[in-house]
Each structure stands twice: as C-alpha cells, then as structure tokens.
Amino acid sequence: MDPIFPKVSDIGQVWGWGYGGEGQLGLGSRIRMVSSSHPVPCLEPSAYGKDKSSAVPQGSMSLEGQVCKVPGNYVKAIACGGRHSAVITDAGALLTFGWGLYGQCGQGSTDDELSPACVLSLSGIQIEGVAAGLWHTICISIQGDVYGFGGNQFGQLGTGADQAEVLPKLLDAPSLENRSAKFVSCGARHSSVITGMPSKYRQFP
C-alpha cells in the first residue's frame, strides 16, 4: 500500500504528505511525492475542487445547479485508504478524495477526486465516523446506521452481495437491526463495527 499521510491538526486543519498520484492528498493535482506536510483545503471558499474546468469553490457543493457551502467550520475526523481519503466536518458532512476506480469516493462514478468533494447523496445525514480500506469506505451516521461504498469483491461492504457500489449504500442486515453502530474500522478488504445501545437520535417504526 502506498503511503499517504493526511492528518488533522488541533484546530481542525487537514495536512497531507506522501504519494498523491491519484489525488489522495487532496491538493488538486496528481503529484507523486510530497515530502513535507501541506495544508489540504477542505472548507476554504478560496480553494477549488474537482479536476474539471467548471470547478466549484472548495468548501461548497453543487446541488441541482446551485452552489452551497459544505456544512461545518472544521474537520474533526479523517481516514486514509489504499489510495483515497475521507474527512468529516464538525457538522457531520463527509468529503472524499483520491482514487475512485471502484467507487470508493462515493461520488456516483469511478472518477478520481483530486480535491475534497462532498458526498452529496449523504446530504442531510450527519456522519459520525468513517474508515477506509484498500478499495472501499464505510461510514456511520449519528443515528448509528452503517453505509458502505466502493469495491466489494470479498463482501467487504456487508451488503450481502459482491458488487461494487459507487454511492453510499445503507446496510440493512438483520444482524444490525435495533443495534446502533458506534465505531468502524476497515482493513484492506474487510470491515468491522462496534455496536452499542441505540442512539437517542434513532427512530424505529
């Protein structure tokens, strides 16, 4: 696994260094070697996002043709996968960047994301934890629900199938019914969660 080292400072600023050939450093380019820490613009409106000519200001997301600010003031959590990364803001917004071949960025495509991009399909869902594997990503909401996306060759998404998911898919396994996920961790090709009492935010029929 190529070394990538994004980290969160004590003021919620993300820094990255190492190999960035697929954009996993979030610096807006495919730079292959960064030997010292550089700030990763996750929320600053002056920076720019996707590797497209009509870039959306970073810290913003495009929704139905409108540009709106990504919820949050700072990054509170981060996860590094094989060649992709994910961060969570203090408001629970999930942003991903890096290699997208298996859909592990959750953006609805297999494109690489060279800069942090909000996972729009989770808009309105407050994400509390995230972990990244070699080709996949698992996140949990404040309600304790589990979502998976990316490669699934070995069932690492926990969906009961082996097909990749390019958008976050809610796990509805009977074994998780009436249980609330509290912590999540991923290996290269497997995933685990720790459950606890149902969250006060969770609603059941």
N, C-alpha and C. Protein backbone atom coordinates (compact mmCIF):
# COMPACT_ATOMS: atom_id res chain seq x y z
N MET A 1 0.85 -1.18 0.00
CA MET A 1 0.00 0.00 0.00
C MET A 1 0.89 1.24 0.00
N ASP A 2 0.64 2.14 -0.93
CA ASP A 2 1.43 3.36 -1.00
C ASP A 2 1.16 4.24 0.21
N PRO A 3 2.20 4.85 0.78
CA PRO A 3 2.00 5.66 1.97
C PRO A 3 1.34 6.99 1.66
N ILE A 4 0.23 7.28 2.35
CA ILE A 4 -0.38 8.59 2.30
C ILE A 4 -0.65 9.00 3.74
N PHE A 5 -0.38 10.22 4.07
CA PHE A 5 -0.46 10.62 5.46
C PHE A 5 -1.22 11.93 5.67
N PRO A 6 -2.49 12.03 5.27
CA PRO A 6 -3.24 13.19 5.72
C PRO A 6 -3.51 13.09 7.22
N LYS A 7 -3.48 14.20 7.93
CA LYS A 7 -3.81 14.20 9.35
C LYS A 7 -4.53 15.49 9.68
N VAL A 8 -5.20 15.50 10.84
CA VAL A 8 -5.94 16.66 11.29
C VAL A 8 -5.17 17.32 12.42
N SER A 9 -4.94 18.62 12.32
CA SER A 9 -4.23 19.35 13.37
C SER A 9 -5.19 19.66 14.51
N ASP A 10 -4.68 20.29 15.57
CA ASP A 10 -5.51 20.56 16.73
C ASP A 10 -6.52 21.67 16.50
N ILE A 11 -6.50 22.33 15.35
CA ILE A 11 -7.51 23.34 15.04
C ILE A 11 -8.41 22.90 13.90
N GLY A 12 -8.36 21.63 13.54
CA GLY A 12 -9.26 21.12 12.52
C GLY A 12 -8.81 21.34 11.10
N GLN A 13 -7.55 21.71 10.89
CA GLN A 13 -6.98 21.87 9.55
C GLN A 13 -6.36 20.54 9.13
N VAL A 14 -6.66 20.09 7.92
CA VAL A 14 -6.10 18.85 7.40
C VAL A 14 -4.77 19.14 6.72
N TRP A 15 -3.79 18.27 6.97
CA TRP A 15 -2.48 18.34 6.33
C TRP A 15 -2.19 17.00 5.67
N GLY A 16 -1.47 17.03 4.54
CA GLY A 16 -1.16 15.79 3.85
C GLY A 16 0.24 15.78 3.28
N TRP A 17 0.78 14.56 3.17
CA TRP A 17 2.10 14.38 2.56
C TRP A 17 2.26 12.92 2.15
N GLY A 18 3.22 12.65 1.28
CA GLY A 18 3.45 11.29 0.79
C GLY A 18 3.15 11.17 -0.69
N TYR A 19 2.66 10.00 -1.10
CA TYR A 19 2.33 9.74 -2.51
C TYR A 19 0.93 10.27 -2.80
N GLY A 20 0.79 11.03 -3.88
CA GLY A 20 -0.50 11.62 -4.22
C GLY A 20 -0.92 11.43 -5.65
N GLY A 21 -0.48 10.35 -6.28
CA GLY A 21 -0.70 10.16 -7.71
C GLY A 21 -2.15 10.07 -8.14
N GLU A 22 -3.05 9.69 -7.24
CA GLU A 22 -4.48 9.61 -7.58
C GLU A 22 -5.29 10.71 -6.89
N GLY A 23 -4.61 11.67 -6.32
CA GLY A 23 -5.33 12.78 -5.68
C GLY A 23 -5.62 12.55 -4.21
N GLN A 24 -5.08 11.47 -3.63
CA GLN A 24 -5.42 11.13 -2.25
C GLN A 24 -4.89 12.11 -1.21
N LEU A 25 -4.03 13.04 -1.62
CA LEU A 25 -3.57 14.08 -0.71
C LEU A 25 -4.51 15.28 -0.72
N GLY A 26 -5.42 15.33 -1.69
CA GLY A 26 -6.40 16.40 -1.74
C GLY A 26 -5.85 17.75 -2.12
N LEU A 27 -4.72 17.76 -2.82
CA LEU A 27 -4.05 19.02 -3.15
C LEU A 27 -4.43 19.55 -4.53
N GLY A 28 -5.35 18.86 -5.22
CA GLY A 28 -5.82 19.34 -6.51
C GLY A 28 -4.97 18.90 -7.69
N SER A 29 -4.03 17.99 -7.47
CA SER A 29 -3.15 17.54 -8.55
C SER A 29 -2.79 16.08 -8.32
N ARG A 30 -2.05 15.52 -9.28
CA ARG A 30 -1.59 14.14 -9.18
C ARG A 30 -0.11 14.08 -8.80
N ILE A 31 0.31 14.96 -7.96
CA ILE A 31 1.71 14.99 -7.55
C ILE A 31 2.09 13.66 -6.90
N ARG A 32 3.22 13.09 -7.31
CA ARG A 32 3.57 11.74 -6.88
C ARG A 32 4.35 11.72 -5.57
N MET A 33 4.97 12.82 -5.21
CA MET A 33 5.75 12.82 -3.98
C MET A 33 5.65 14.17 -3.29
N VAL A 34 5.22 14.15 -2.05
CA VAL A 34 5.20 15.34 -1.20
C VAL A 34 5.92 14.96 0.09
N SER A 35 7.10 15.51 0.29
CA SER A 35 7.95 15.06 1.39
C SER A 35 7.80 15.89 2.66
N SER A 36 6.94 16.91 2.63
CA SER A 36 6.67 17.67 3.84
C SER A 36 5.18 18.01 3.88
N SER A 37 4.67 18.29 5.05
CA SER A 37 3.23 18.50 5.21
C SER A 37 2.75 19.76 4.50
N HIS A 38 1.60 19.62 3.83
CA HIS A 38 0.95 20.74 3.14
C HIS A 38 -0.51 20.79 3.57
N PRO A 39 -1.08 21.99 3.73
CA PRO A 39 -2.49 22.09 4.11
C PRO A 39 -3.40 21.62 2.98
N VAL A 40 -4.44 20.87 3.35
CA VAL A 40 -5.42 20.39 2.39
C VAL A 40 -6.67 21.25 2.52
N PRO A 41 -7.05 21.99 1.46
CA PRO A 41 -8.20 22.90 1.55
C PRO A 41 -9.53 22.15 1.49
N CYS A 42 -10.08 21.87 2.65
CA CYS A 42 -11.36 21.16 2.69
C CYS A 42 -12.56 22.10 2.76
N LEU A 43 -12.42 23.23 3.43
CA LEU A 43 -13.56 24.11 3.65
C LEU A 43 -13.32 25.54 3.20
N GLU A 44 -12.08 25.90 2.85
CA GLU A 44 -11.80 27.27 2.46
C GLU A 44 -12.48 27.62 1.14
N PRO A 45 -13.29 28.66 1.09
CA PRO A 45 -14.00 29.00 -0.14
C PRO A 45 -13.10 29.52 -1.25
N SER A 46 -11.85 29.87 -0.94
CA SER A 46 -10.96 30.42 -1.96
C SER A 46 -10.27 29.33 -2.78
N ALA A 47 -10.32 28.08 -2.29
CA ALA A 47 -9.68 26.98 -3.00
C ALA A 47 -10.68 26.37 -3.97
N TYR A 48 -10.19 25.46 -4.83
CA TYR A 48 -11.06 24.88 -5.83
C TYR A 48 -11.01 23.37 -5.80
N GLY A 49 -12.11 22.76 -6.20
CA GLY A 49 -12.32 21.34 -6.03
C GLY A 49 -12.00 20.50 -7.23
N LYS A 50 -13.00 19.83 -7.77
CA LYS A 50 -12.84 18.76 -8.73
C LYS A 50 -11.95 19.12 -9.90
N ASP A 51 -11.38 18.09 -10.50
CA ASP A 51 -10.50 18.24 -11.65
C ASP A 51 -11.34 18.45 -12.91
N LYS A 52 -12.09 19.55 -12.93
CA LYS A 52 -12.95 19.87 -14.07
C LYS A 52 -12.79 21.35 -14.37
N SER A 53 -13.05 21.71 -15.62
CA SER A 53 -12.86 23.10 -16.00
C SER A 53 -13.82 24.03 -15.26
N SER A 54 -15.03 23.56 -14.99
CA SER A 54 -16.00 24.38 -14.26
C SER A 54 -15.98 23.99 -12.79
N ALA A 55 -14.87 24.28 -12.13
CA ALA A 55 -14.68 23.86 -10.75
C ALA A 55 -15.61 24.62 -9.82
N VAL A 56 -16.09 23.91 -8.79
CA VAL A 56 -16.91 24.52 -7.75
C VAL A 56 -15.98 24.97 -6.64
N PRO A 57 -16.18 26.15 -6.08
CA PRO A 57 -15.32 26.58 -4.98
C PRO A 57 -15.27 25.56 -3.87
N GLN A 58 -14.05 25.25 -3.39
CA GLN A 58 -13.92 24.28 -2.32
C GLN A 58 -14.62 24.79 -1.08
N GLY A 59 -15.16 23.88 -0.29
CA GLY A 59 -15.98 24.29 0.82
C GLY A 59 -17.42 24.51 0.38
N SER A 60 -17.68 24.19 -0.91
CA SER A 60 -19.03 24.31 -1.44
C SER A 60 -19.40 23.00 -2.11
N MET A 61 -20.70 22.83 -2.36
CA MET A 61 -21.13 21.65 -3.10
C MET A 61 -22.20 22.08 -4.09
N SER A 62 -22.24 21.39 -5.21
CA SER A 62 -23.21 21.72 -6.24
C SER A 62 -24.41 20.81 -6.08
N LEU A 63 -25.58 21.37 -5.90
CA LEU A 63 -26.79 20.59 -5.70
C LEU A 63 -27.88 21.19 -6.57
N GLU A 64 -28.30 20.39 -7.59
CA GLU A 64 -29.32 20.83 -8.54
C GLU A 64 -28.97 22.18 -9.15
N GLY A 65 -27.70 22.33 -9.54
CA GLY A 65 -27.27 23.53 -10.22
C GLY A 65 -26.96 24.69 -9.32
N GLN A 66 -27.16 24.52 -8.01
CA GLN A 66 -26.89 25.59 -7.07
C GLN A 66 -25.62 25.26 -6.29
N VAL A 67 -24.91 26.30 -5.88
CA VAL A 67 -23.71 26.12 -5.09
C VAL A 67 -24.01 26.54 -3.66
N CYS A 68 -23.74 25.64 -2.71
CA CYS A 68 -23.98 25.96 -1.31
C CYS A 68 -22.78 25.49 -0.50
N LYS A 69 -22.61 26.08 0.65
CA LYS A 69 -21.45 25.81 1.48
C LYS A 69 -21.57 24.44 2.14
N VAL A 70 -20.46 23.72 2.19
CA VAL A 70 -20.43 22.45 2.91
C VAL A 70 -20.65 22.74 4.38
N PRO A 71 -21.56 22.03 5.04
CA PRO A 71 -21.80 22.28 6.46
C PRO A 71 -20.55 22.04 7.31
N GLY A 72 -20.28 22.95 8.20
CA GLY A 72 -19.17 22.77 9.13
C GLY A 72 -18.14 23.87 9.06
N ASN A 73 -17.39 23.99 10.14
CA ASN A 73 -16.35 25.00 10.25
C ASN A 73 -14.95 24.41 10.32
N TYR A 74 -14.85 23.14 10.63
CA TYR A 74 -13.54 22.50 10.72
C TYR A 74 -13.71 21.00 10.54
N VAL A 75 -12.60 20.31 10.29
CA VAL A 75 -12.61 18.86 10.13
C VAL A 75 -12.32 18.20 11.47
N LYS A 76 -13.13 17.21 11.83
CA LYS A 76 -12.97 16.56 13.13
C LYS A 76 -12.46 15.13 13.04
N ALA A 77 -12.51 14.53 11.84
CA ALA A 77 -12.06 13.14 11.70
C ALA A 77 -11.57 12.90 10.29
N ILE A 78 -10.70 11.91 10.15
CA ILE A 78 -10.10 11.62 8.85
C ILE A 78 -9.79 10.13 8.76
N ALA A 79 -9.80 9.60 7.55
CA ALA A 79 -9.42 8.20 7.32
C ALA A 79 -8.66 8.11 6.01
N CYS A 80 -7.64 7.28 5.99
CA CYS A 80 -6.85 7.03 4.78
C CYS A 80 -7.05 5.61 4.31
N GLY A 81 -7.38 5.44 3.03
CA GLY A 81 -7.48 4.13 2.44
C GLY A 81 -6.23 3.82 1.64
N GLY A 82 -6.37 2.85 0.72
CA GLY A 82 -5.22 2.49 -0.09
C GLY A 82 -4.71 3.66 -0.91
N ARG A 83 -5.61 4.30 -1.65
CA ARG A 83 -5.24 5.48 -2.44
C ARG A 83 -6.38 6.50 -2.43
N HIS A 84 -7.13 6.55 -1.35
CA HIS A 84 -8.18 7.55 -1.20
C HIS A 84 -8.28 7.95 0.26
N SER A 85 -8.92 9.10 0.49
CA SER A 85 -9.06 9.62 1.85
C SER A 85 -10.47 10.13 2.05
N ALA A 86 -10.87 10.25 3.31
CA ALA A 86 -12.19 10.77 3.66
C ALA A 86 -12.08 11.61 4.92
N VAL A 87 -12.84 12.69 4.98
CA VAL A 87 -12.85 13.54 6.16
C VAL A 87 -14.29 13.85 6.55
N ILE A 88 -14.49 14.14 7.84
CA ILE A 88 -15.80 14.52 8.37
C ILE A 88 -15.68 15.89 9.00
N THR A 89 -16.61 16.78 8.68
CA THR A 89 -16.62 18.10 9.31
C THR A 89 -17.34 18.03 10.66
N ASP A 90 -17.20 19.10 11.42
CA ASP A 90 -17.85 19.14 12.73
C ASP A 90 -19.37 19.09 12.62
N ALA A 91 -19.92 19.42 11.45
CA ALA A 91 -21.36 19.35 11.24
C ALA A 91 -21.81 18.01 10.68
N GLY A 92 -20.86 17.08 10.47
CA GLY A 92 -21.22 15.76 10.00
C GLY A 92 -21.23 15.57 8.51
N ALA A 93 -20.69 16.52 7.75
CA ALA A 93 -20.59 16.35 6.29
C ALA A 93 -19.40 15.46 5.97
N LEU A 94 -19.56 14.57 5.01
CA LEU A 94 -18.48 13.67 4.58
C LEU A 94 -17.91 14.15 3.25
N LEU A 95 -16.60 14.31 3.18
CA LEU A 95 -15.90 14.65 1.95
C LEU A 95 -14.88 13.56 1.65
N THR A 96 -14.71 13.25 0.36
CA THR A 96 -13.77 12.22 -0.05
C THR A 96 -12.88 12.74 -1.17
N PHE A 97 -11.72 12.10 -1.33
CA PHE A 97 -10.82 12.47 -2.41
C PHE A 97 -9.83 11.35 -2.65
N GLY A 98 -9.34 11.28 -3.90
CA GLY A 98 -8.38 10.25 -4.27
C GLY A 98 -8.90 9.31 -5.34
N TRP A 99 -8.35 8.12 -5.36
CA TRP A 99 -8.63 7.09 -6.36
C TRP A 99 -10.10 6.70 -6.31
N GLY A 100 -10.75 6.66 -7.47
CA GLY A 100 -12.17 6.36 -7.49
C GLY A 100 -12.55 5.15 -8.32
N LEU A 101 -11.60 4.34 -8.72
CA LEU A 101 -11.84 3.26 -9.68
C LEU A 101 -12.97 2.33 -9.27
N TYR A 102 -13.14 2.07 -7.99
CA TYR A 102 -14.17 1.14 -7.53
C TYR A 102 -15.36 1.87 -6.90
N GLY A 103 -15.38 3.19 -7.01
CA GLY A 103 -16.45 3.96 -6.40
C GLY A 103 -16.21 4.29 -4.94
N GLN A 104 -14.98 4.11 -4.49
CA GLN A 104 -14.67 4.28 -3.07
C GLN A 104 -14.77 5.72 -2.58
N CYS A 105 -14.94 6.68 -3.50
CA CYS A 105 -15.16 8.07 -3.09
C CYS A 105 -16.65 8.37 -2.92
N GLY A 106 -17.51 7.45 -3.33
CA GLY A 106 -18.94 7.61 -3.11
C GLY A 106 -19.59 8.73 -3.88
N GLN A 107 -18.99 9.11 -5.00
CA GLN A 107 -19.49 10.26 -5.77
C GLN A 107 -20.41 9.87 -6.92
N GLY A 108 -20.74 8.58 -7.02
CA GLY A 108 -21.62 8.14 -8.09
C GLY A 108 -20.91 7.82 -9.38
N SER A 109 -19.58 7.80 -9.36
CA SER A 109 -18.79 7.49 -10.55
C SER A 109 -17.51 6.80 -10.11
N THR A 110 -16.70 6.44 -11.11
CA THR A 110 -15.40 5.84 -10.82
C THR A 110 -14.26 6.80 -11.13
N ASP A 111 -14.58 8.09 -11.20
CA ASP A 111 -13.56 9.10 -11.44
C ASP A 111 -12.72 9.33 -10.19
N ASP A 112 -11.47 9.72 -10.40
CA ASP A 112 -10.63 10.17 -9.29
C ASP A 112 -11.09 11.55 -8.84
N GLU A 113 -10.97 11.81 -7.56
CA GLU A 113 -11.27 13.13 -7.00
C GLU A 113 -9.96 13.73 -6.51
N LEU A 114 -9.49 14.77 -7.19
CA LEU A 114 -8.18 15.34 -6.86
C LEU A 114 -8.23 16.31 -5.68
N SER A 115 -9.41 16.75 -5.33
CA SER A 115 -9.61 17.64 -4.19
C SER A 115 -10.81 17.15 -3.39
N PRO A 116 -10.90 17.50 -2.12
CA PRO A 116 -12.04 17.06 -1.31
C PRO A 116 -13.37 17.45 -1.93
N ALA A 117 -14.27 16.48 -2.04
CA ALA A 117 -15.60 16.71 -2.62
C ALA A 117 -16.64 16.13 -1.68
N CYS A 118 -17.69 16.89 -1.44
CA CYS A 118 -18.75 16.45 -0.53
C CYS A 118 -19.52 15.28 -1.15
N VAL A 119 -19.83 14.28 -0.34
CA VAL A 119 -20.64 13.15 -0.78
C VAL A 119 -22.10 13.60 -0.72
N LEU A 120 -22.61 14.04 -1.86
CA LEU A 120 -23.92 14.70 -1.89
C LEU A 120 -25.07 13.77 -1.54
N SER A 121 -24.93 12.48 -1.81
CA SER A 121 -26.03 11.57 -1.52
C SER A 121 -26.24 11.39 -0.02
N LEU A 122 -25.28 11.84 0.79
CA LEU A 122 -25.44 11.79 2.24
C LEU A 122 -25.83 13.15 2.83
N SER A 123 -26.15 14.10 1.96
CA SER A 123 -26.59 15.41 2.45
C SER A 123 -27.82 15.24 3.33
N GLY A 124 -27.83 15.88 4.47
CA GLY A 124 -28.93 15.74 5.41
C GLY A 124 -28.75 14.62 6.40
N ILE A 125 -27.70 13.82 6.22
CA ILE A 125 -27.36 12.75 7.16
C ILE A 125 -26.07 13.13 7.86
N GLN A 126 -26.10 13.18 9.16
CA GLN A 126 -24.92 13.59 9.91
C GLN A 126 -24.01 12.38 10.12
N ILE A 127 -22.82 12.42 9.52
CA ILE A 127 -21.87 11.32 9.62
C ILE A 127 -21.00 11.51 10.86
N GLU A 128 -20.84 10.43 11.61
CA GLU A 128 -20.13 10.49 12.88
C GLU A 128 -18.77 9.81 12.83
N GLY A 129 -18.64 8.77 11.98
CA GLY A 129 -17.37 8.05 11.89
C GLY A 129 -17.14 7.53 10.49
N VAL A 130 -15.86 7.34 10.11
CA VAL A 130 -15.53 6.84 8.78
C VAL A 130 -14.25 6.04 8.85
N ALA A 131 -14.18 5.01 8.03
CA ALA A 131 -12.97 4.20 7.89
C ALA A 131 -12.81 3.86 6.42
N ALA A 132 -11.57 3.65 6.00
CA ALA A 132 -11.29 3.39 4.58
C ALA A 132 -10.41 2.16 4.45
N GLY A 133 -10.77 1.30 3.50
CA GLY A 133 -9.96 0.13 3.20
C GLY A 133 -9.15 0.36 1.94
N LEU A 134 -8.71 -0.73 1.35
CA LEU A 134 -7.92 -0.63 0.13
C LEU A 134 -8.74 -0.05 -1.01
N TRP A 135 -9.97 -0.57 -1.19
CA TRP A 135 -10.83 -0.14 -2.29
C TRP A 135 -12.22 0.29 -1.82
N HIS A 136 -12.44 0.42 -0.53
CA HIS A 136 -13.79 0.69 -0.06
C HIS A 136 -13.80 1.66 1.12
N THR A 137 -14.98 2.18 1.42
CA THR A 137 -15.17 3.12 2.51
C THR A 137 -16.44 2.73 3.28
N ILE A 138 -16.35 2.79 4.60
CA ILE A 138 -17.50 2.55 5.46
C ILE A 138 -17.68 3.75 6.37
N CYS A 139 -18.90 4.24 6.51
CA CYS A 139 -19.14 5.34 7.43
C CYS A 139 -20.38 5.04 8.26
N ILE A 140 -20.47 5.70 9.42
CA ILE A 140 -21.62 5.52 10.29
C ILE A 140 -22.22 6.89 10.59
N SER A 141 -23.53 6.91 10.72
CA SER A 141 -24.24 8.17 10.99
C SER A 141 -24.43 8.35 12.49
N ILE A 142 -24.84 9.54 12.88
CA ILE A 142 -25.09 9.81 14.29
C ILE A 142 -26.25 8.96 14.80
N GLN A 143 -27.10 8.48 13.89
CA GLN A 143 -28.19 7.58 14.27
C GLN A 143 -27.71 6.15 14.47
N GLY A 144 -26.46 5.87 14.09
CA GLY A 144 -25.93 4.52 14.23
C GLY A 144 -26.10 3.66 13.01
N ASP A 145 -26.55 4.25 11.89
CA ASP A 145 -26.67 3.50 10.64
C ASP A 145 -25.31 3.36 9.98
N VAL A 146 -25.13 2.28 9.21
CA VAL A 146 -23.87 1.99 8.55
C VAL A 146 -24.06 2.10 7.04
N TYR A 147 -23.15 2.82 6.38
CA TYR A 147 -23.17 2.97 4.92
C TYR A 147 -21.84 2.50 4.35
N GLY A 148 -21.90 1.81 3.21
CA GLY A 148 -20.68 1.35 2.56
C GLY A 148 -20.68 1.68 1.08
N PHE A 149 -19.50 1.91 0.55
CA PHE A 149 -19.38 2.15 -0.89
C PHE A 149 -17.96 1.82 -1.33
N GLY A 150 -17.84 1.49 -2.65
CA GLY A 150 -16.54 1.12 -3.20
C GLY A 150 -16.48 -0.34 -3.60
N GLY A 151 -15.26 -0.87 -3.65
CA GLY A 151 -15.05 -2.25 -4.05
C GLY A 151 -15.69 -3.22 -3.07
N ASN A 152 -16.15 -4.36 -3.61
CA ASN A 152 -16.89 -5.32 -2.78
C ASN A 152 -16.60 -6.75 -3.18
N GLN A 153 -15.41 -6.96 -3.75
CA GLN A 153 -15.07 -8.27 -4.29
C GLN A 153 -15.12 -9.38 -3.25
N PHE A 154 -14.89 -9.04 -2.00
CA PHE A 154 -14.86 -10.03 -0.94
C PHE A 154 -15.98 -9.81 0.09
N GLY A 155 -16.98 -9.03 -0.31
CA GLY A 155 -18.08 -8.77 0.60
C GLY A 155 -17.78 -7.73 1.66
N GLN A 156 -16.72 -6.94 1.44
CA GLN A 156 -16.28 -6.00 2.48
C GLN A 156 -17.26 -4.87 2.77
N LEU A 157 -18.25 -4.67 1.88
CA LEU A 157 -19.25 -3.64 2.14
C LEU A 157 -20.37 -4.14 3.06
N GLY A 158 -20.48 -5.45 3.20
CA GLY A 158 -21.50 -6.00 4.09
C GLY A 158 -22.91 -5.92 3.55
N THR A 159 -23.05 -5.82 2.23
CA THR A 159 -24.37 -5.66 1.62
C THR A 159 -25.07 -6.99 1.36
N GLY A 160 -24.36 -8.10 1.56
CA GLY A 160 -24.92 -9.40 1.23
C GLY A 160 -24.66 -9.81 -0.20
N ALA A 161 -23.95 -8.97 -0.95
CA ALA A 161 -23.61 -9.26 -2.34
C ALA A 161 -22.13 -8.97 -2.54
N ASP A 162 -21.68 -9.07 -3.80
CA ASP A 162 -20.26 -8.80 -4.07
C ASP A 162 -20.07 -7.74 -5.16
N GLN A 163 -21.11 -6.97 -5.45
CA GLN A 163 -20.99 -5.94 -6.47
C GLN A 163 -20.56 -4.62 -5.84
N ALA A 164 -19.74 -3.88 -6.59
CA ALA A 164 -19.27 -2.58 -6.11
C ALA A 164 -20.43 -1.59 -6.02
N GLU A 165 -20.27 -0.60 -5.17
CA GLU A 165 -21.27 0.45 -5.00
C GLU A 165 -20.58 1.80 -5.18
N VAL A 166 -21.06 2.61 -6.13
CA VAL A 166 -20.44 3.92 -6.37
C VAL A 166 -21.11 5.03 -5.56
N LEU A 167 -22.22 4.69 -4.91
CA LEU A 167 -22.90 5.60 -4.00
C LEU A 167 -23.05 4.90 -2.65
N PRO A 168 -23.08 5.65 -1.56
CA PRO A 168 -23.24 5.02 -0.24
C PRO A 168 -24.51 4.18 -0.19
N LYS A 169 -24.36 2.96 0.30
CA LYS A 169 -25.49 2.04 0.42
C LYS A 169 -25.72 1.72 1.90
N LEU A 170 -26.93 1.92 2.34
CA LEU A 170 -27.28 1.64 3.73
C LEU A 170 -27.29 0.14 3.97
N LEU A 171 -26.59 -0.31 4.99
CA LEU A 171 -26.59 -1.71 5.35
C LEU A 171 -27.86 -2.01 6.14
N ASP A 172 -28.64 -2.97 5.64
CA ASP A 172 -29.88 -3.33 6.31
C ASP A 172 -29.86 -4.78 6.76
N ALA A 173 -28.68 -5.26 7.15
CA ALA A 173 -28.52 -6.64 7.58
C ALA A 173 -29.38 -6.90 8.82
N PRO A 174 -30.09 -8.03 8.86
CA PRO A 174 -30.90 -8.35 10.04
C PRO A 174 -30.09 -8.36 11.34
N SER A 175 -28.81 -8.71 11.23
CA SER A 175 -27.97 -8.77 12.43
C SER A 175 -27.74 -7.40 13.06
N LEU A 176 -27.95 -6.32 12.27
CA LEU A 176 -27.77 -4.96 12.79
C LEU A 176 -29.09 -4.31 13.20
N GLU A 177 -30.20 -5.04 13.03
CA GLU A 177 -31.50 -4.48 13.36
C GLU A 177 -31.57 -4.15 14.85
N ASN A 178 -32.08 -2.98 15.15
CA ASN A 178 -32.20 -2.49 16.54
C ASN A 178 -30.86 -2.34 17.23
N ARG A 179 -29.80 -2.25 16.45
CA ARG A 179 -28.47 -2.00 17.01
C ARG A 179 -27.92 -0.71 16.42
N SER A 180 -27.09 -0.04 17.18
CA SER A 180 -26.54 1.25 16.76
C SER A 180 -25.03 1.14 16.65
N ALA A 181 -24.49 1.39 15.45
CA ALA A 181 -23.04 1.33 15.26
C ALA A 181 -22.39 2.53 15.92
N LYS A 182 -21.33 2.28 16.67
CA LYS A 182 -20.63 3.34 17.40
C LYS A 182 -19.24 3.61 16.84
N PHE A 183 -18.54 2.57 16.42
CA PHE A 183 -17.20 2.70 15.89
C PHE A 183 -17.05 1.81 14.66
N VAL A 184 -16.21 2.24 13.72
CA VAL A 184 -15.99 1.48 12.49
C VAL A 184 -14.51 1.41 12.19
N SER A 185 -14.09 0.29 11.62
CA SER A 185 -12.69 0.13 11.22
C SER A 185 -12.64 -0.74 9.97
N CYS A 186 -11.69 -0.46 9.09
CA CYS A 186 -11.52 -1.23 7.86
C CYS A 186 -10.10 -1.74 7.75
N GLY A 187 -9.97 -2.99 7.31
CA GLY A 187 -8.69 -3.48 6.84
C GLY A 187 -8.64 -3.30 5.33
N ALA A 188 -7.68 -3.94 4.70
CA ALA A 188 -7.56 -3.78 3.25
C ALA A 188 -8.83 -4.24 2.53
N ARG A 189 -9.35 -5.40 2.92
CA ARG A 189 -10.51 -5.98 2.23
C ARG A 189 -11.55 -6.50 3.20
N HIS A 190 -11.64 -5.91 4.39
CA HIS A 190 -12.68 -6.31 5.34
C HIS A 190 -13.05 -5.12 6.22
N SER A 191 -14.17 -5.25 6.91
CA SER A 191 -14.69 -4.14 7.72
C SER A 191 -15.26 -4.68 9.02
N SER A 192 -15.26 -3.83 10.05
CA SER A 192 -15.84 -4.19 11.34
C SER A 192 -16.48 -2.96 11.97
N VAL A 193 -17.53 -3.18 12.74
CA VAL A 193 -18.12 -2.11 13.53
C VAL A 193 -18.33 -2.62 14.95
N ILE A 194 -18.34 -1.69 15.89
CA ILE A 194 -18.73 -1.97 17.26
C ILE A 194 -20.10 -1.35 17.47
N THR A 195 -21.03 -2.13 17.99
CA THR A 195 -22.38 -1.61 18.24
C THR A 195 -22.58 -1.36 19.73
N GLY A 196 -23.58 -0.54 20.01
CA GLY A 196 -23.95 -0.24 21.39
C GLY A 196 -25.44 -0.06 21.48
N MET A 197 -25.87 0.60 22.51
CA MET A 197 -27.29 0.88 22.67
C MET A 197 -27.75 1.81 21.55
N PRO A 198 -28.99 1.66 21.12
CA PRO A 198 -29.50 2.54 20.06
C PRO A 198 -29.33 4.01 20.43
N SER A 199 -28.95 4.81 19.44
CA SER A 199 -28.74 6.24 19.67
C SER A 199 -30.06 6.93 19.99
N LYS A 200 -29.99 7.99 20.79
CA LYS A 200 -31.19 8.77 21.10
C LYS A 200 -31.74 9.45 19.86
N TYR A 201 -30.90 9.53 18.80
CA TYR A 201 -31.34 10.17 17.56
C TYR A 201 -32.07 9.20 16.65
N ARG A 202 -31.98 7.90 16.96
CA ARG A 202 -32.51 6.90 16.05
C ARG A 202 -34.00 6.70 16.27
N GLN A 203 -34.73 6.54 15.18
CA GLN A 203 -36.15 6.33 15.27
C GLN A 203 -36.48 4.98 14.67
N PHE A 204 -37.35 4.24 15.33
CA PHE A 204 -37.76 2.92 14.86
C PHE A 204 -39.26 2.93 14.60
N PRO A 205 -39.70 2.11 13.66
CA PRO A 205 -41.13 2.05 13.35
C PRO A 205 -41.96 1.67 14.58
